[in-house]
């Protein structure tokens, strides 16, 4: 039997003690998913690359303050969320903010957010439709208010628990739930509007 891979917390402890290889393994283990998290917020590849580097630099600098008895990943994403919010604020100072376009299992009038994000393609003929749906989801998420977009990305794309989201963003648990509900409701409204056949047919008649 092979040796079990060291935990993130063990790697951080080893890094503080001088094991550089432990830190390099942490970067390798988390950089891909962290890039996707930041990119979903910035939609800017170059900025995301720089932000991810800044995050791991901050991890390195702050390693001695990390508590190895607590999970590493929420701590890492707290740093990433803070760095990303700082970047977004700096961008909003340069241009106008993008316009506005439940609980994890809320059913909002028959709409289930998770089912939209996790659509499975069961037959090749469904490929084009699924790709179009994923594109629509990305566009709607990008147009949400930044604080709503952030909480959706953490909850649904990265599957953090409520208490972990509260720790990452730095808000009370109750605020996590209410903000997530508002974000899902806003997404649902935009998604319904974009996929309502009656509205599409009405627009087509107007152009005739």
Protein backbone atom coordinates (compact mmCIF):
# COMPACT_ATOMS: atom_id res chain seq x y z
CA UNK A 1 0.00 0.00 0.00
CA UNK A 2 1.25 3.48 -0.88
CA UNK A 3 1.74 6.29 1.56
CA UNK A 4 -1.26 8.62 1.88
CA UNK A 5 -0.78 12.07 0.40
CA UNK A 6 -0.05 14.71 3.05
CA UNK A 7 -2.91 17.01 3.94
CA UNK A 8 -2.83 20.71 3.08
CA UNK A 9 -2.51 21.51 6.76
CA UNK A 10 0.50 19.19 7.10
CA UNK A 11 2.14 20.79 4.06
CA UNK A 12 1.68 24.25 5.56
CA UNK A 13 3.19 23.08 8.84
CA UNK A 14 6.16 21.61 6.98
CA UNK A 15 6.59 24.80 4.95
CA UNK A 16 6.74 26.91 8.10
CA UNK A 17 9.48 24.57 9.31
CA UNK A 18 11.48 25.20 6.14
CA UNK A 19 10.23 22.59 3.66
CA UNK A 20 9.90 24.53 0.41
CA UNK A 21 8.71 21.42 -1.43
CA UNK A 22 5.58 21.40 0.72
CA UNK A 23 4.63 24.87 -0.48
CA UNK A 24 5.28 23.94 -4.11
CA UNK A 25 2.96 20.96 -3.73
CA UNK A 26 0.24 23.22 -2.32
CA UNK A 27 0.58 25.53 -5.32
CA UNK A 28 0.38 22.58 -7.70
CA UNK A 29 -2.62 21.15 -5.85
CA UNK A 30 -4.73 24.32 -5.74
CA UNK A 31 -3.59 26.68 -8.50
CA UNK A 32 -5.91 25.32 -11.21
CA UNK A 33 -9.11 25.50 -9.20
CA UNK A 34 -8.07 28.84 -7.70
CA UNK A 35 -7.50 30.25 -11.19
CA UNK A 36 -11.02 29.19 -12.21
CA UNK A 37 -12.51 30.81 -9.10
CA UNK A 38 -10.75 34.14 -9.67
CA UNK A 39 -11.39 34.12 -13.42
CA UNK A 40 -15.13 33.67 -12.91
CA UNK A 41 -15.01 36.95 -11.01
CA UNK A 42 -12.62 38.95 -13.21
CA UNK A 43 -13.17 37.48 -16.72
CA UNK A 44 -9.61 38.67 -17.39
CA UNK A 45 -6.95 35.99 -17.92
CA UNK A 46 -3.93 38.24 -17.43
CA UNK A 47 -5.35 39.80 -14.27
CA UNK A 48 -6.28 36.36 -12.96
CA UNK A 49 -2.73 35.07 -13.46
CA UNK A 50 -1.37 38.01 -11.48
CA UNK A 51 -3.97 37.67 -8.73
CA UNK A 52 -3.30 33.95 -8.28
CA UNK A 53 0.41 34.72 -7.95
CA UNK A 54 -0.40 37.40 -5.38
CA UNK A 55 -2.56 34.96 -3.44
CA UNK A 56 0.21 32.39 -3.13
CA UNK A 57 2.71 35.11 -2.30
CA UNK A 58 0.39 36.18 0.53
CA UNK A 59 0.09 32.55 1.65
CA UNK A 60 3.88 32.33 1.77
CA UNK A 61 4.25 35.58 3.71
CA UNK A 62 1.44 34.73 6.15
CA UNK A 63 2.25 31.03 6.58
CA UNK A 64 3.45 31.43 10.16
CA UNK A 65 0.04 32.86 11.12
CA UNK A 66 -1.91 29.95 9.66
CA UNK A 67 -3.53 27.67 12.25
CA UNK A 68 -2.87 24.07 11.08
CA UNK A 69 -5.75 22.86 13.25
CA UNK A 70 -8.18 24.63 10.90
CA UNK A 71 -8.89 23.74 7.23
CA UNK A 72 -6.46 25.28 4.76
CA UNK A 73 -8.80 25.69 1.78
CA UNK A 74 -11.24 28.24 3.27
CA UNK A 75 -8.25 30.26 4.48
CA UNK A 76 -6.76 30.19 0.98
CA UNK A 77 -10.02 31.30 -0.60
CA UNK A 78 -10.44 34.08 1.95
CA UNK A 79 -7.17 35.54 0.68
CA UNK A 80 -8.23 35.02 -2.94
CA UNK A 81 -11.65 36.62 -2.40
CA UNK A 82 -10.07 39.66 -0.74
CA UNK A 83 -7.51 40.09 -3.51
CA UNK A 84 -10.19 39.73 -6.17
CA UNK A 85 -12.54 42.21 -4.51
CA UNK A 86 -9.70 44.74 -4.31
CA UNK A 87 -9.06 44.27 -8.03
CA UNK A 88 -12.75 44.64 -8.89
CA UNK A 89 -12.98 47.84 -6.84
CA UNK A 90 -9.98 49.26 -8.69
CA UNK A 91 -11.63 48.44 -12.01
CA UNK A 92 -14.88 50.11 -10.98
CA UNK A 93 -12.98 53.29 -10.27
CA UNK A 94 -11.93 53.28 -13.92
CA UNK A 95 -15.24 52.42 -15.51
CA UNK A 96 -18.90 52.14 -14.61
CA UNK A 97 -20.01 49.00 -12.85
CA UNK A 98 -21.62 46.33 -15.03
CA UNK A 99 -25.45 46.58 -15.02
CA UNK A 100 -27.54 44.10 -13.12
CA UNK A 101 -28.61 41.62 -15.43
CA UNK A 102 -32.15 30.41 -2.14
CA UNK A 103 -30.92 28.39 -0.53
CA UNK A 104 -28.77 25.67 -2.08
CA UNK A 105 -31.84 23.55 -2.86
CA UNK A 106 -34.49 26.27 -3.14
CA UNK A 107 -37.18 25.76 -5.74
CA UNK A 108 -38.04 29.24 -7.00
CA UNK A 109 -41.30 28.77 -8.85
CA UNK A 110 -40.11 25.54 -10.44
CA UNK A 111 -36.60 26.89 -11.12
CA UNK A 112 -33.67 24.98 -9.64
CA UNK A 113 -30.36 26.77 -10.03
CA UNK A 114 -28.22 23.67 -9.46
CA UNK A 115 -29.99 21.80 -12.27
CA UNK A 116 -29.14 24.60 -14.70
CA UNK A 117 -25.46 24.64 -13.73
CA UNK A 118 -25.09 20.86 -13.76
CA UNK A 119 -26.91 19.90 -16.94
CA UNK A 120 -25.63 16.61 -18.31
CA UNK A 121 -25.40 15.85 -22.01
CA UNK A 122 -26.83 12.37 -22.44
CA UNK A 123 -26.70 12.20 -26.24
CA UNK A 124 -24.43 13.83 -28.86
CA UNK A 125 -27.43 15.56 -30.43
CA UNK A 126 -27.82 17.53 -27.21
CA UNK A 127 -24.31 18.96 -27.41
CA UNK A 128 -25.16 22.23 -29.13
CA UNK A 129 -28.08 22.91 -26.81
CA UNK A 130 -25.95 22.20 -23.72
CA UNK A 131 -23.14 24.44 -24.97
CA UNK A 132 -25.62 27.26 -25.56
CA UNK A 133 -27.06 26.78 -22.08
CA UNK A 134 -23.59 26.94 -20.49
CA UNK A 135 -22.85 30.12 -22.45
CA UNK A 136 -26.09 31.67 -21.24
CA UNK A 137 -25.33 30.72 -17.62
CA UNK A 138 -21.89 32.35 -17.86
CA UNK A 139 -23.33 35.54 -19.35
CA UNK A 140 -26.01 35.87 -16.69
CA UNK A 141 -23.60 35.18 -13.82
CA UNK A 142 -21.17 37.78 -15.21
CA UNK A 143 -23.91 40.43 -15.21
CA UNK A 144 -24.95 39.90 -11.60
CA UNK A 145 -23.93 42.34 -8.91
CA UNK A 146 -20.34 41.52 -7.83
CA UNK A 147 -21.34 40.41 -4.31
CA UNK A 148 -24.05 38.12 -5.72
CA UNK A 149 -21.69 36.75 -8.37
CA UNK A 150 -19.05 36.02 -5.74
CA UNK A 151 -21.39 34.04 -3.51
CA UNK A 152 -22.83 32.02 -6.42
CA UNK A 153 -19.35 31.07 -7.60
CA UNK A 154 -18.33 29.94 -4.11
CA UNK A 155 -21.55 28.02 -3.43
CA UNK A 156 -22.30 26.37 -6.76
CA UNK A 157 -19.09 26.24 -8.77
CA UNK A 158 -16.78 25.46 -5.85
CA UNK A 159 -19.33 23.84 -3.50
CA UNK A 160 -18.25 25.55 -0.28
CA UNK A 161 -20.54 25.12 2.71
CA UNK A 162 -22.39 28.11 4.17
CA UNK A 163 -20.09 28.41 7.17
CA UNK A 164 -17.02 28.29 4.91
CA UNK A 165 -18.48 31.00 2.66
CA UNK A 166 -19.14 33.12 5.74
CA UNK A 167 -15.49 32.74 6.73
CA UNK A 168 -14.15 33.42 3.23
CA UNK A 169 -16.22 36.56 2.61
CA UNK A 170 -16.25 37.73 6.21
CA UNK A 171 -20.01 38.02 6.70
CA UNK A 172 -22.48 36.43 9.15
CA UNK A 173 -23.97 33.04 8.32
CA UNK A 174 -27.45 34.54 8.04
CA UNK A 175 -26.20 37.06 5.51
CA UNK A 176 -24.71 34.24 3.44
CA UNK A 177 -28.11 32.57 3.21
CA UNK A 178 -30.06 35.73 2.42
CA UNK A 179 -27.50 36.95 -0.13
CA UNK A 180 -27.39 33.56 -1.84
CA UNK A 181 -31.18 33.47 -2.01
CA UNK A 182 -31.25 36.94 -3.59
CA UNK A 183 -28.53 35.98 -6.06
CA UNK A 184 -30.33 32.81 -7.13
CA UNK A 185 -33.63 34.67 -7.47
CA UNK A 186 -31.99 37.30 -9.68
CA UNK A 187 -30.32 34.61 -11.78
CA UNK A 188 -33.60 32.72 -12.10
CA UNK A 189 -35.46 35.80 -13.31
CA UNK A 190 -32.81 36.54 -15.94
CA UNK A 191 -32.61 32.90 -17.03
CA UNK A 192 -36.38 32.59 -17.41
CA UNK A 193 -36.51 35.80 -19.43
CA UNK A 194 -33.73 34.61 -21.73
CA UNK A 195 -35.28 31.19 -22.32
CA UNK A 196 -38.98 32.09 -22.47
CA UNK A 197 -40.24 30.86 -25.90
CA UNK A 198 -43.16 33.29 -25.88
CA UNK A 199 -40.83 36.27 -25.63
CA UNK A 200 -38.64 34.95 -28.42
CA UNK A 201 -41.67 34.45 -30.69
CA UNK A 202 -42.98 37.92 -29.82
CA UNK A 203 -39.66 39.48 -30.79
CA UNK A 204 -39.67 37.52 -34.04
CA UNK A 205 -43.17 38.82 -34.88
CA UNK A 206 -42.09 42.38 -34.15
CA UNK A 207 -39.34 42.10 -36.74
CA UNK A 208 -41.67 40.73 -39.45
